[in-house]
């Protein structure tokens, strides 16, 4: 037998192979499906409105309630991963997402749709925070920022794939077929999670739930290491989601700064994603090109997220996040003065590259800020608080567009939150989480 400190110290620095790699790849897959379940309502809303004889604008409540569900899931369900484990919450979240999205094919009214989107939103919000936490605890220390960003890059890939699927499915088979496809795809992952997703070894050793030694040794043997004779001394335990620990000591200031930065980043990001087609058309882009704006934005986002992770592992996470957000703000100011050419699409791709790269880096930062015993709670509440900005951004943008604000004025305004978020990130002081 080897001592506990030895194995805890050595495992995080090993190559990413076996169950560690498979767990991270499953987390990537779940984030891909997560965004597909988010966007399915956006693609189907016009068809639903036509069938039910209601204006698309009347479905605004459905979008808002979905975002509310995501915030509730991130803040309250994901935090339970600190009590019962990351794997169980990911499994539960997949069931909620897939089941509710699939059940949407039976809804007959807006109130029923509201309920379905709220419950699926709870699973979606919880999934995002939980996969971030699990990835941070399985990734090698040296390349942790890259792997967290890689997992988060599943989001824009899911957006692109769901857009392609919607373009082929909805015209031929109707909006219910789109919900059926998205729900079944998510439910298909439930047995994959059950049989192949490993619980966090960090969680087992440092939180020590019932049966922790047996579960930890099973994982350690699969990693090719020698079993533990006993668990390490337990320094602290969590019997419920301890939100107050997010504000203990110097973490109080860091938590408030992180929440503020995420609020600002969410506001800018969701302003862009919700209004991209309208903004592209207003910029003078022909409609046949404007419809590709969202795809170009998300492709840029994928490369931005991966690049941010790569650079963060070498240059420092906070500096890279700040740099990405400052570049985003500059591009948004430039975009306000560009119109009537395909170069608008190029700028959309570059803005997606910058804003999503910087935004996703904040998830890595949240995972590094909090110790194992409250990491899922910390990530979840940060995401939940930030989603208030996701509601505010499109709302303010819609009001401004409705009152006739110019393109340059809109983009200059929403460049400000990106700038603020970038400078706030530099002021966050990290501890050494246990």
Protein backbone atom coordinates (compact mmCIF):
# COMPACT_ATOMS: atom_id res chain seq x y z
CA UNK A 1 0.00 0.00 0.00
CA UNK A 2 1.14 3.59 -0.62
CA UNK A 3 0.29 6.54 1.54
CA UNK A 4 -2.57 8.80 0.68
CA UNK A 5 -0.56 12.03 0.24
CA UNK A 6 1.63 10.28 -2.34
CA UNK A 7 -1.19 9.21 -4.60
CA UNK A 8 -3.07 12.48 -4.28
CA UNK A 9 0.06 14.35 -5.27
CA UNK A 10 0.98 12.12 -8.20
CA UNK A 11 -2.33 11.43 -9.93
CA UNK A 12 -3.11 15.01 -11.04
CA UNK A 13 0.20 15.29 -12.94
CA UNK A 14 -0.12 12.07 -14.94
CA UNK A 15 -1.01 11.89 -18.61
CA UNK A 16 -4.67 12.17 -19.50
CA UNK A 17 -5.55 8.56 -20.28
CA UNK A 18 -8.12 5.92 -19.38
CA UNK A 19 -11.08 6.86 -17.24
CA UNK A 20 -9.87 10.43 -16.87
CA UNK A 21 -9.92 11.00 -20.62
CA UNK A 22 -13.22 9.15 -21.09
CA UNK A 23 -14.85 11.21 -18.32
CA UNK A 24 -13.73 14.48 -19.91
CA UNK A 25 -14.96 13.36 -23.34
CA UNK A 26 -18.36 12.46 -21.86
CA UNK A 27 -18.50 15.93 -20.27
CA UNK A 28 -17.76 17.43 -23.72
CA UNK A 29 -20.60 15.39 -25.22
CA UNK A 30 -23.02 16.50 -22.51
CA UNK A 31 -22.22 20.18 -23.12
CA UNK A 32 -22.76 19.67 -26.84
CA UNK A 33 -26.21 18.20 -26.16
CA UNK A 34 -26.80 20.84 -23.49
CA UNK A 35 -26.69 23.64 -26.05
CA UNK A 36 -28.79 21.64 -28.48
CA UNK A 37 -31.48 21.42 -25.80
CA UNK A 38 -31.13 25.16 -25.15
CA UNK A 39 -31.54 26.19 -28.78
CA UNK A 40 -34.26 23.76 -29.83
CA UNK A 41 -36.93 26.24 -28.69
CA UNK A 42 -35.35 29.05 -30.73
CA UNK A 43 -35.45 27.02 -33.94
CA UNK A 44 -38.97 25.70 -33.38
CA UNK A 45 -40.64 28.88 -32.07
CA UNK A 46 -41.83 30.16 -35.49
CA UNK A 47 -43.39 26.79 -36.37
CA UNK A 48 -45.04 26.53 -32.94
CA UNK A 49 -46.44 30.05 -33.28
CA UNK A 50 -47.93 29.24 -36.69
CA UNK A 51 -49.55 26.01 -35.51
CA UNK A 52 -51.02 27.56 -32.37
CA UNK A 53 -52.02 30.82 -34.05
CA UNK A 54 -50.00 33.05 -31.77
CA UNK A 55 -47.41 35.70 -32.54
CA UNK A 56 -43.78 34.58 -32.09
CA UNK A 57 -43.30 37.50 -29.68
CA UNK A 58 -45.84 35.89 -27.34
CA UNK A 59 -43.39 33.06 -26.82
CA UNK A 60 -41.01 35.50 -25.11
CA UNK A 61 -42.17 34.18 -21.74
CA UNK A 62 -41.04 30.70 -22.80
CA UNK A 63 -37.50 31.96 -23.50
CA UNK A 64 -37.35 33.88 -20.22
CA UNK A 65 -38.61 30.97 -18.14
CA UNK A 66 -36.07 28.68 -19.79
CA UNK A 67 -33.27 31.05 -18.71
CA UNK A 68 -34.76 31.19 -15.21
CA UNK A 69 -34.75 27.40 -15.05
CA UNK A 70 -31.08 27.36 -16.06
CA UNK A 71 -30.24 29.80 -13.26
CA UNK A 72 -32.17 27.72 -10.70
CA UNK A 73 -30.46 24.53 -11.88
CA UNK A 74 -26.99 26.06 -11.74
CA UNK A 75 -27.50 27.57 -8.29
CA UNK A 76 -29.51 24.91 -6.47
CA UNK A 77 -29.30 21.54 -8.23
CA UNK A 78 -25.63 21.73 -9.29
CA UNK A 79 -24.66 22.70 -5.74
CA UNK A 80 -25.88 19.28 -4.57
CA UNK A 81 -22.93 17.79 -6.44
CA UNK A 82 -20.87 18.87 -3.42
CA UNK A 83 -23.06 16.62 -1.26
CA UNK A 84 -23.98 13.54 -3.31
CA UNK A 85 -21.31 13.64 -6.02
CA UNK A 86 -20.71 15.08 -9.46
CA UNK A 87 -21.62 11.90 -11.36
CA UNK A 88 -25.06 11.56 -9.78
CA UNK A 89 -26.01 15.15 -10.54
CA UNK A 90 -24.83 14.83 -14.15
CA UNK A 91 -26.93 11.67 -14.46
CA UNK A 92 -29.96 13.42 -12.95
CA UNK A 93 -29.45 16.48 -15.15
CA UNK A 94 -29.32 14.34 -18.30
CA UNK A 95 -32.57 12.67 -17.30
CA UNK A 96 -34.29 16.00 -16.69
CA UNK A 97 -33.03 17.50 -19.93
CA UNK A 98 -33.82 14.56 -22.15
CA UNK A 99 -37.12 13.66 -20.52
CA UNK A 100 -38.57 17.16 -20.58
CA UNK A 101 -37.36 17.98 -24.08
CA UNK A 102 -38.86 14.72 -25.37
CA UNK A 103 -42.10 15.31 -23.43
CA UNK A 104 -42.46 18.68 -25.18
CA UNK A 105 -43.84 16.89 -28.23
CA UNK A 106 -47.07 16.40 -26.24
CA UNK A 107 -47.62 20.01 -25.10
CA UNK A 108 -50.68 21.77 -26.49
CA UNK A 109 -50.44 25.31 -25.07
CA UNK A 110 -48.03 28.05 -24.06
CA UNK A 111 -48.47 27.38 -20.29
CA UNK A 112 -47.57 23.72 -20.79
CA UNK A 113 -44.57 24.75 -22.86
CA UNK A 114 -43.48 27.14 -20.11
CA UNK A 115 -43.45 24.31 -17.56
CA UNK A 116 -41.54 21.99 -19.89
CA UNK A 117 -38.89 24.62 -20.66
CA UNK A 118 -38.45 25.56 -17.00
CA UNK A 119 -37.84 21.97 -15.89
CA UNK A 120 -35.53 21.22 -18.81
CA UNK A 121 -33.74 24.50 -18.01
CA UNK A 122 -33.06 23.25 -14.49
CA UNK A 123 -31.28 20.23 -15.94
CA UNK A 124 -29.43 22.31 -18.52
CA UNK A 125 -28.12 24.79 -15.94
CA UNK A 126 -27.07 22.05 -13.56
CA UNK A 127 -25.31 20.07 -16.30
CA UNK A 128 -23.10 22.99 -17.31
CA UNK A 129 -21.85 23.67 -13.78
CA UNK A 130 -21.39 19.98 -12.92
CA UNK A 131 -19.41 19.05 -16.03
CA UNK A 132 -17.15 22.05 -15.49
CA UNK A 133 -16.47 20.92 -11.93
CA UNK A 134 -15.81 17.28 -12.83
CA UNK A 135 -13.49 18.25 -15.69
CA UNK A 136 -11.50 20.59 -13.46
CA UNK A 137 -10.98 17.75 -10.98
CA UNK A 138 -9.88 15.14 -13.54
CA UNK A 139 -7.72 17.28 -15.82
CA UNK A 140 -3.95 17.36 -15.23
CA UNK A 141 -2.94 20.42 -13.24
CA UNK A 142 -0.65 21.80 -15.96
CA UNK A 143 -3.30 21.70 -18.68
CA UNK A 144 -6.45 22.11 -16.57
CA UNK A 145 -7.48 25.41 -18.16
CA UNK A 146 -7.25 23.91 -21.64
CA UNK A 147 -9.40 20.88 -20.81
CA UNK A 148 -12.09 22.91 -19.07
CA UNK A 149 -12.22 25.16 -22.13
CA UNK A 150 -12.28 22.12 -24.43
CA UNK A 151 -15.31 20.72 -22.62
CA UNK A 152 -17.05 24.09 -22.82
CA UNK A 153 -16.35 24.22 -26.57
CA UNK A 154 -19.05 21.59 -26.91
CA UNK A 155 -21.54 24.44 -26.58
CA UNK A 156 -20.88 26.20 -29.91
CA UNK A 157 -20.51 22.84 -31.66
CA UNK A 158 -23.95 21.91 -30.35
CA UNK A 159 -25.28 25.22 -31.67
CA UNK A 160 -23.94 24.58 -35.16
CA UNK A 161 -25.16 20.97 -35.29
CA UNK A 162 -28.61 21.84 -33.95
CA UNK A 163 -28.95 24.58 -36.58
CA UNK A 164 -28.07 22.14 -39.35
CA UNK A 165 -30.47 19.55 -37.94
CA UNK A 166 -33.29 22.09 -37.59
CA UNK A 167 -32.91 23.23 -41.20
CA UNK A 168 -33.52 19.67 -42.40
CA UNK A 169 -35.97 18.31 -39.81
CA UNK A 170 -38.48 21.11 -39.18
CA UNK A 171 -39.53 21.81 -42.81
CA UNK A 172 -40.04 18.12 -43.59
CA UNK A 173 -41.20 16.60 -40.30
CA UNK A 174 -42.42 19.50 -38.14
CA UNK A 175 -41.30 21.07 -34.88
CA UNK A 176 -42.20 18.04 -32.74
CA UNK A 177 -39.67 15.93 -34.62
CA UNK A 178 -36.95 18.40 -33.63
CA UNK A 179 -37.83 18.07 -29.93
CA UNK A 180 -38.01 14.30 -30.34
CA UNK A 181 -34.54 14.15 -31.88
CA UNK A 182 -32.97 16.40 -29.24
CA UNK A 183 -34.66 14.61 -26.33
CA UNK A 184 -33.81 11.11 -27.53
CA UNK A 185 -30.19 12.08 -28.21
CA UNK A 186 -29.85 13.30 -24.62
CA UNK A 187 -31.61 10.28 -23.09
CA UNK A 188 -29.31 8.01 -25.08
CA UNK A 189 -26.41 9.33 -23.00
CA UNK A 190 -27.95 8.25 -19.68
CA UNK A 191 -26.58 4.67 -19.88
CA UNK A 192 -23.27 6.05 -21.17
CA UNK A 193 -23.02 8.25 -18.06
CA UNK A 194 -24.10 5.42 -15.78
CA UNK A 195 -21.58 2.88 -17.05
CA UNK A 196 -18.64 4.99 -18.21
CA UNK A 197 -18.55 8.30 -16.32
CA UNK A 198 -16.31 8.09 -13.26
CA UNK A 199 -16.98 9.95 -10.04
CA UNK A 200 -14.43 12.61 -9.17
CA UNK A 201 -11.54 11.08 -7.24
CA UNK A 202 -10.93 14.50 -5.73
CA UNK A 203 -14.50 14.52 -4.40
CA UNK A 204 -14.21 11.00 -2.96
CA UNK A 205 -10.92 11.64 -1.15
CA UNK A 206 -11.63 15.11 0.16
CA UNK A 207 -15.37 14.88 0.92
CA UNK A 208 -15.48 11.16 1.79
CA UNK A 209 -19.12 10.14 1.33
CA UNK A 210 -20.26 6.67 2.41
CA UNK A 211 -18.23 3.98 0.64
CA UNK A 212 -15.61 6.50 -0.48
CA UNK A 213 -12.60 4.23 0.15
CA UNK A 214 -14.02 1.39 -1.95
CA UNK A 215 -15.02 3.70 -4.81
CA UNK A 216 -11.70 5.55 -4.71
CA UNK A 217 -9.69 2.31 -4.82
CA UNK A 218 -11.70 1.06 -7.80
CA UNK A 219 -10.79 4.25 -9.68
CA UNK A 220 -7.17 4.15 -8.53
CA UNK A 221 -6.73 0.55 -9.70
CA UNK A 222 -8.17 1.48 -13.12
CA UNK A 223 -5.52 4.19 -13.26
CA UNK A 224 -2.86 1.54 -12.71
CA UNK A 225 -1.96 2.71 -9.20
CA UNK A 226 -1.72 0.87 -5.89
CA UNK A 227 -4.80 0.86 -3.66
CA UNK A 228 -5.08 3.02 -0.55
CA UNK A 229 -5.01 1.45 2.90
CA UNK A 230 -7.15 4.24 4.31
CA UNK A 231 -8.59 7.61 3.42
CA UNK A 232 -6.66 10.79 4.20
CA UNK A 233 -7.66 12.82 7.28
CA UNK A 234 -10.93 14.62 6.60
CA UNK A 235 -10.38 18.36 6.94
CA UNK A 236 -13.97 19.45 6.27
CA UNK A 237 -17.20 17.98 5.05
CA UNK A 238 -20.33 19.28 3.41
CA UNK A 239 -23.71 18.04 4.62
CA UNK A 240 -25.60 20.60 2.56
CA UNK A 241 -24.79 23.08 -0.15
CA UNK A 242 -22.86 25.69 1.86
CA UNK A 243 -23.29 28.94 -0.06
CA UNK A 244 -21.93 30.91 2.90
CA UNK A 245 -18.51 29.32 2.31
CA UNK A 246 -18.30 31.21 -0.97
CA UNK A 247 -18.04 34.39 1.10
CA UNK A 248 -15.60 33.19 3.77
CA UNK A 249 -12.32 35.06 4.17
CA UNK A 250 -10.83 36.67 1.07
CA UNK A 251 -13.20 34.64 -1.15
CA UNK A 252 -15.96 37.13 -0.35
CA UNK A 253 -14.38 39.80 -2.56
CA UNK A 254 -13.34 37.28 -5.21
CA UNK A 255 -16.87 35.83 -5.38
CA UNK A 256 -18.52 39.22 -5.81
CA UNK A 257 -16.01 40.22 -8.49
CA UNK A 258 -16.54 36.95 -10.35
CA UNK A 259 -20.32 37.28 -10.24
CA UNK A 260 -20.10 40.85 -11.54
CA UNK A 261 -17.75 39.85 -14.37
CA UNK A 262 -20.02 36.98 -15.39
CA UNK A 263 -23.06 39.26 -15.32
CA UNK A 264 -21.31 41.65 -17.69
CA UNK A 265 -20.07 38.88 -19.98
CA UNK A 266 -23.46 37.17 -20.09
CA UNK A 267 -25.13 40.49 -20.99
CA UNK A 268 -22.81 41.06 -23.96
CA UNK A 269 -22.85 37.43 -25.11
CA UNK A 270 -26.63 37.02 -25.04
CA UNK A 271 -27.19 40.41 -26.68
CA UNK A 272 -25.08 39.16 -29.56
CA UNK A 273 -26.51 35.63 -29.81
CA UNK A 274 -30.16 36.66 -29.57
CA UNK A 275 -29.93 39.53 -32.04
CA UNK A 276 -27.33 38.30 -34.55
CA UNK A 277 -29.67 37.80 -37.55
CA UNK A 278 -31.36 41.16 -36.97
CA UNK A 279 -28.05 42.93 -36.45
CA UNK A 280 -26.57 41.33 -39.57
CA UNK A 281 -29.53 42.46 -41.66
CA UNK A 282 -29.36 45.98 -40.19
CA UNK A 283 -25.68 46.09 -41.12
CA UNK A 284 -26.72 45.75 -44.76
CA UNK A 285 -25.81 42.09 -45.20
CA UNK A 286 -27.95 40.34 -47.85
CA UNK A 287 -30.49 38.00 -46.26
CA UNK A 288 -28.94 34.95 -47.91
CA UNK A 289 -25.73 35.73 -46.00
CA UNK A 290 -27.37 37.04 -42.83
CA UNK A 291 -28.83 33.60 -42.09
CA UNK A 292 -25.28 32.25 -41.81
CA UNK A 293 -24.26 34.84 -39.22
CA UNK A 294 -25.12 32.64 -36.25
CA UNK A 295 -23.19 29.69 -37.67
CA UNK A 296 -20.13 31.83 -38.34
CA UNK A 297 -20.37 33.29 -34.82
CA UNK A 298 -20.46 29.82 -33.23
CA UNK A 299 -17.64 28.47 -35.37
CA UNK A 300 -15.55 31.43 -34.28
CA UNK A 301 -16.58 30.69 -30.69
CA UNK A 302 -15.33 27.10 -30.92
CA UNK A 303 -11.89 28.14 -32.10
CA UNK A 304 -11.81 31.00 -29.58
CA UNK A 305 -12.59 28.70 -26.66
CA UNK A 306 -9.95 26.14 -27.61
CA UNK A 307 -7.36 28.85 -28.30
CA UNK A 308 -8.10 30.53 -24.99
CA UNK A 309 -7.56 27.24 -23.17
CA UNK A 310 -4.26 26.66 -24.96
CA UNK A 311 -2.96 30.17 -24.24
CA UNK A 312 -4.18 30.17 -20.63
CA UNK A 313 -2.13 27.06 -19.86
CA UNK A 314 0.97 28.98 -20.97
CA UNK A 315 0.38 32.67 -20.29
CA UNK A 316 -1.94 32.69 -17.28
CA UNK A 317 -5.72 32.37 -17.21
CA UNK A 318 -6.69 35.85 -15.98
CA UNK A 319 -4.46 37.76 -18.36
CA UNK A 320 -5.73 35.74 -21.33
CA UNK A 321 -9.39 36.23 -20.36
CA UNK A 322 -8.83 39.97 -20.05
CA UNK A 323 -7.05 40.08 -23.41
CA UNK A 324 -9.86 38.20 -25.18
CA UNK A 325 -12.53 40.50 -23.76
CA UNK A 326 -10.59 43.67 -24.61
CA UNK A 327 -10.15 42.48 -28.19
CA UNK A 328 -13.88 41.66 -28.31
CA UNK A 329 -14.79 45.17 -27.21
CA UNK A 330 -12.51 46.66 -29.88
CA UNK A 331 -14.04 44.46 -32.59
CA UNK A 332 -17.56 45.44 -31.50
CA UNK A 333 -16.69 49.11 -31.86
CA UNK A 334 -15.27 48.46 -35.34
CA UNK A 335 -18.35 46.40 -36.28
CA UNK A 336 -20.60 49.36 -35.64
CA UNK A 337 -19.04 51.17 -38.58
CA UNK A 338 -19.04 48.29 -41.08
CA UNK A 339 -21.99 47.62 -43.32
CA UNK A 340 -23.08 46.10 -46.59
CA UNK A 341 -20.29 43.59 -47.22
CA UNK A 342 -19.38 40.00 -46.49
CA UNK A 343 -16.68 41.37 -44.16
CA UNK A 344 -19.50 41.64 -41.61
CA UNK A 345 -19.50 37.83 -41.43
CA UNK A 346 -15.77 37.84 -40.79
CA UNK A 347 -16.26 40.26 -37.92
CA UNK A 348 -19.05 38.09 -36.50
CA UNK A 349 -16.67 35.14 -36.48
CA UNK A 350 -13.92 37.18 -34.80
CA UNK A 351 -16.34 38.57 -32.20
CA UNK A 352 -17.55 35.02 -31.45
CA UNK A 353 -13.90 33.98 -31.13
CA UNK A 354 -13.20 36.71 -28.58
CA UNK A 355 -16.35 36.90 -26.49
CA UNK A 356 -16.83 33.15 -26.09
CA UNK A 357 -13.15 32.55 -25.45
CA UNK A 358 -13.07 35.11 -22.65
CA UNK A 359 -16.46 34.10 -21.29
CA UNK A 360 -15.64 30.39 -21.03
CA UNK A 361 -12.36 31.18 -19.31
CA UNK A 362 -14.42 32.44 -16.38
CA UNK A 363 -15.71 28.90 -15.80
CA UNK A 364 -12.12 27.72 -15.42
CA UNK A 365 -11.49 30.61 -13.06
CA UNK A 366 -14.52 29.70 -10.93
CA UNK A 367 -13.35 26.08 -10.70
CA UNK A 368 -9.90 27.25 -9.54
CA UNK A 369 -11.28 29.73 -7.03
CA UNK A 370 -13.16 27.30 -4.78
CA UNK A 371 -11.99 24.24 -2.80
CA UNK A 372 -13.27 20.76 -3.65
CA UNK A 373 -15.91 20.65 -0.92
CA UNK A 374 -17.81 23.65 -2.39
CA UNK A 375 -16.51 23.75 -5.96
CA UNK A 376 -19.78 22.76 -7.65
CA UNK A 377 -21.66 25.23 -5.44
CA UNK A 378 -19.21 27.99 -6.34
CA UNK A 379 -19.36 27.33 -10.07
CA UNK A 380 -23.15 26.92 -10.03
CA UNK A 381 -23.90 30.11 -8.12
CA UNK A 382 -21.47 32.09 -10.27
CA UNK A 383 -23.22 30.87 -13.42
CA UNK A 384 -26.66 31.47 -11.88
CA UNK A 385 -25.79 35.02 -10.86
CA UNK A 386 -24.32 35.68 -14.29
CA UNK A 387 -27.50 34.51 -16.03
CA UNK A 388 -29.27 37.60 -14.73
CA UNK A 389 -27.12 39.36 -17.31
CA UNK A 390 -28.35 36.86 -19.91
CA UNK A 391 -31.87 38.16 -19.31
CA UNK A 392 -30.88 41.83 -19.12
CA UNK A 393 -28.67 41.91 -22.24
CA UNK A 394 -31.26 40.88 -24.88
CA UNK A 395 -33.96 42.88 -23.09
CA UNK A 396 -31.98 46.13 -23.16
CA UNK A 397 -30.82 45.40 -26.71
CA UNK A 398 -34.40 44.87 -27.86
CA UNK A 399 -35.54 48.14 -26.31
CA UNK A 400 -32.70 50.04 -27.94
CA UNK A 401 -33.27 48.49 -31.36
CA UNK A 402 -36.98 49.24 -31.03
CA UNK A 403 -36.31 52.89 -30.30
CA UNK A 404 -34.13 53.24 -33.39
CA UNK A 405 -30.62 53.20 -31.94
CA UNK A 406 -27.99 52.99 -34.65
CA UNK A 407 -25.82 49.91 -35.20
CA UNK A 408 -22.68 51.68 -34.01
CA UNK A 409 -24.40 52.92 -30.86
CA UNK A 410 -25.67 49.42 -29.94
CA UNK A 411 -22.28 47.83 -30.38
CA UNK A 412 -20.44 50.58 -28.55
CA UNK A 413 -22.83 50.25 -25.62
CA UNK A 414 -22.43 46.48 -25.32
CA UNK A 415 -18.66 46.74 -25.72
CA UNK A 416 -18.65 48.44 -22.30
CA UNK A 417 -19.72 45.35 -20.26
CA UNK A 418 -17.02 43.31 -22.03
CA UNK A 419 -14.41 45.91 -21.09
CA UNK A 420 -15.58 46.02 -17.47
CA UNK A 421 -15.56 42.21 -17.20
CA UNK A 422 -12.02 42.02 -18.55
CA UNK A 423 -10.62 44.49 -16.01
CA UNK A 424 -12.57 42.92 -13.12
CA UNK A 425 -11.05 39.50 -13.86
CA UNK A 426 -7.55 40.91 -13.28
CA UNK A 427 -8.55 41.96 -9.75
CA UNK A 428 -9.65 38.51 -8.59
CA UNK A 429 -7.16 36.91 -6.20
CA UNK A 430 -6.98 33.12 -6.30
CA UNK A 431 -6.25 30.99 -3.29
CA UNK A 432 -4.90 27.45 -3.37
CA UNK A 433 -8.12 25.36 -3.21
CA UNK A 434 -8.02 22.21 -1.09
